[in-house]
C-alpha atoms as a PDB file:
ATOM      1  CA  MET A   1      15.704  48.702  53.221  1.00  0.00           C
ATOM      2  CA  ASP A   2      19.407  48.878  53.957  1.00  0.00           C
ATOM      3  CA  LEU A   3      21.236  47.571  57.021  1.00  0.00           C
ATOM      4  CA  GLN A   4      21.050  50.903  58.839  1.00  0.00           C
ATOM      5  CA  ASP A   5      17.259  51.077  58.381  1.00  0.00           C
ATOM      6  CA  TYR A   6      16.886  47.462  59.486  1.00  0.00           C
ATOM      7  CA  THR A   7      18.991  48.056  62.600  1.00  0.00           C
ATOM      8  CA  LYS A   8      16.940  51.134  63.461  1.00  0.00           C
ATOM      9  CA  ALA A   9      13.672  49.190  63.071  1.00  0.00           C
ATOM     10  CA  VAL A  10      14.962  46.432  65.354  1.00  0.00           C
ATOM     11  CA  ASP A  11      16.081  48.997  67.934  1.00  0.00           C
ATOM     12  CA  VAL A  12      12.715  50.748  67.862  1.00  0.00           C
ATOM     13  CA  TYR A  13      10.397  47.721  67.861  1.00  0.00           C
ATOM     14  CA  ALA A  14      12.249  44.833  69.532  1.00  0.00           C
ATOM     15  CA  ASP A  15      11.057  45.581  73.074  1.00  0.00           C
ATOM     16  CA  SER A  16       7.432  45.924  72.012  1.00  0.00           C
ATOM     17  CA  VAL A  17       7.524  42.753  69.936  1.00  0.00           C
ATOM     18  CA  TYR A  18       9.137  40.865  72.814  1.00  0.00           C
ATOM     19  CA  ARG A  19       6.488  42.072  75.290  1.00  0.00           C
ATOM     20  CA  VAL A  20       3.637  41.028  73.014  1.00  0.00           C
ATOM     21  CA  ALA A  21       5.277  37.658  72.391  1.00  0.00           C
ATOM     22  CA  TYR A  22       5.776  37.141  76.119  1.00  0.00           C
ATOM     23  CA  SER A  23       2.139  37.973  76.801  1.00  0.00           C
ATOM     24  CA  TYR A  24       1.212  35.020  74.592  1.00  0.00           C
ATOM     25  CA  THR A  25       3.964  32.517  75.435  1.00  0.00           C
ATOM     26  CA  TYR A  26       4.851  33.326  79.080  1.00  0.00           C
ATOM     27  CA  THR A  27       8.365  31.983  78.516  1.00  0.00           C
ATOM     28  CA  LYS A  28      11.588  33.852  77.816  1.00  0.00           C
ATOM     29  CA  VAL A  29      12.917  31.313  75.329  1.00  0.00           C
ATOM     30  CA  ASP A  30       9.734  31.158  73.257  1.00  0.00           C
ATOM     31  CA  SER A  31       9.415  34.939  73.290  1.00  0.00           C
ATOM     32  CA  GLU A  32      12.977  35.291  72.011  1.00  0.00           C
ATOM     33  CA  ASP A  33      12.212  32.776  69.255  1.00  0.00           C
ATOM     34  CA  VAL A  34       9.181  34.794  68.208  1.00  0.00           C
ATOM     35  CA  LEU A  35      11.254  37.978  68.248  1.00  0.00           C
ATOM     36  CA  GLN A  36      13.862  36.421  65.964  1.00  0.00           C
ATOM     37  CA  ASN A  37      11.216  35.078  63.603  1.00  0.00           C
ATOM     38  CA  VAL A  38       9.541  38.478  63.331  1.00  0.00           C
ATOM     39  CA  PHE A  39      12.743  40.223  62.272  1.00  0.00           C
ATOM     40  CA  LEU A  40      14.106  37.443  60.078  1.00  0.00           C
ATOM     41  CA  THR A  41      11.039  37.092  57.877  1.00  0.00           C
END
């Protein structure tokens, strides 16, 4: 996967991942941490 593909995947899935994370954590900061961890690993 090149940088362009990675960027496209983040653009497509970031909102959905954030919403799912928020439904579990109920905090903005923790949800953002989960979002970063999903796309960095």
